[in-house]
Protein backbone atom coordinates (compact mmCIF):
# COMPACT_ATOMS: atom_id res chain seq x y z
CA MET A 1 -100.88 81.81 -159.65
CA LYS A 2 -97.89 82.52 -161.84
CA ILE A 3 -94.29 82.69 -160.62
CA GLU A 4 -91.60 83.89 -163.00
CA ARG A 5 -87.90 83.39 -162.33
CA LYS A 6 -86.15 86.69 -163.09
CA SER A 7 -82.70 85.25 -162.34
CA SER A 8 -81.24 82.50 -160.20
CA HIS A 9 -81.63 84.85 -157.24
CA GLU A 10 -84.98 86.56 -157.92
CA VAL A 11 -88.59 85.53 -158.58
CA PHE A 12 -91.70 87.53 -159.42
CA SER A 13 -95.42 86.83 -159.10
CA PRO A 14 -97.59 89.33 -160.95
CA ALA A 15 -100.88 90.40 -159.43
CA SER A 16 -103.89 88.67 -160.91
CA TYR A 17 -107.39 89.71 -160.02
CA ASP A 18 -108.87 86.34 -161.00
CA ASP A 19 -106.43 84.51 -158.71
CA PRO A 20 -108.27 83.01 -155.72
CA ASP A 21 -105.06 82.95 -153.64
CA GLY A 22 -104.22 86.01 -151.60
CA VAL A 23 -101.01 87.99 -151.55
CA ALA A 24 -99.77 86.17 -148.43
CA TYR A 25 -100.05 82.83 -150.22
CA ARG A 26 -98.10 84.22 -153.18
CA VAL A 27 -95.37 85.54 -150.85
CA VAL A 28 -94.91 82.08 -149.36
CA ALA A 29 -95.00 80.43 -152.80
CA CYS A 30 -92.40 82.86 -154.20
CA VAL A 31 -90.00 82.33 -151.31
CA ALA A 32 -90.48 78.56 -151.49
CA GLU A 33 -89.69 78.62 -155.22
CA LEU A 34 -86.69 80.89 -154.72
CA THR A 35 -85.16 78.93 -151.85
CA ASP A 36 -86.17 75.47 -153.15
CA VAL A 37 -87.91 74.71 -149.86
CA SER A 38 -91.40 73.29 -149.45
CA PRO A 39 -93.88 75.97 -148.34
CA MET A 40 -94.70 73.71 -145.37
CA ASP A 41 -91.05 73.85 -144.25
CA LEU A 42 -90.85 77.65 -144.22
CA PRO A 43 -91.34 79.53 -140.95
CA PRO A 44 -94.76 81.10 -140.41
CA LEU A 45 -95.22 84.26 -142.47
CA THR A 46 -96.60 85.89 -139.32
CA ASP A 47 -93.05 85.85 -137.91
CA SER A 48 -92.20 88.51 -140.52
CA VAL A 49 -95.38 90.39 -141.39
CA ASP A 50 -99.09 90.52 -140.55
CA PRO A 51 -100.77 88.82 -143.55
CA ASP A 52 -104.08 90.64 -142.96
CA ALA A 53 -102.36 94.03 -142.88
CA LEU A 54 -100.41 93.10 -146.02
CA ALA A 55 -103.62 92.19 -147.84
CA GLY A 56 -105.26 95.39 -146.60
CA VAL A 57 -102.49 97.55 -148.04
CA VAL A 58 -102.67 95.79 -151.40
CA GLU A 59 -106.47 96.08 -151.51
CA SER A 60 -106.39 99.79 -150.68
CA THR A 61 -103.57 100.82 -153.06
CA SER A 62 -104.31 99.14 -156.37
CA GLU A 63 -102.33 101.73 -158.32
CA GLY A 64 -99.01 100.38 -157.02
CA ASN A 65 -97.79 103.65 -155.53
CA CYS A 66 -96.42 102.02 -152.37
CA SER A 67 -94.52 98.90 -151.45
CA ILE A 68 -93.84 96.84 -148.36
CA VAL A 69 -90.39 95.31 -148.00
CA PHE A 70 -89.59 92.70 -145.37
CA PRO A 71 -87.30 89.72 -144.77
CA PHE A 72 -88.82 86.24 -144.83
CA ALA A 73 -87.06 82.88 -144.57
CA GLY A 74 -83.71 84.14 -145.89
CA ALA A 75 -85.24 86.16 -148.72
CA GLN A 76 -86.09 89.83 -149.07
CA VAL A 77 -89.70 90.30 -150.17
CA ASN A 78 -91.15 93.38 -151.86
CA VAL A 79 -94.93 93.55 -152.22
CA VAL A 80 -95.99 96.41 -154.47
CA GLY A 81 -99.30 98.17 -153.87
CA ASN A 82 -100.83 96.67 -157.02
CA GLY A 83 -100.22 93.16 -155.61
CA ASP A 84 -97.06 92.20 -157.51
CA VAL A 85 -94.69 90.14 -155.35
CA TYR A 86 -90.90 90.12 -155.79
CA ALA A 87 -88.54 87.95 -153.72
CA PHE A 88 -84.77 87.88 -153.92
CA ILE A 89 -81.74 86.61 -152.04
CA PRO A 90 -80.16 89.77 -150.55
CA GLN A 91 -76.48 88.85 -150.93
CA PHE A 92 -76.98 88.50 -154.70
CA SER A 93 -78.97 91.68 -155.30
CA GLY A 94 -78.37 95.36 -154.87
CA PRO A 95 -75.65 97.79 -155.93
CA GLY A 96 -72.76 96.09 -157.66
CA SER A 97 -74.40 92.69 -157.94
CA LYS A 98 -74.32 90.69 -161.13
CA ASN A 99 -77.67 88.95 -161.52
């Protein structure tokens, strides 16, 4: 699994079809990296999204023509249909922000 830091307030994990970890694992890893918190110390992902439904959407829309956006552990997460995962801190992103 690869996690790229886009800025101090945003990380990205590109989809990889040879990656044995699922999209839910990459969501947790991205948010842990972004917030500098151990994955074990984050709240359960199921408090924010159904991991099985998330995986089902990614598996059924490999062209990336949809995305699922949800809050998780203080971050905003965007999972694109092709499996790419973006996570960012909301107060530092959006219109007028300087990343």
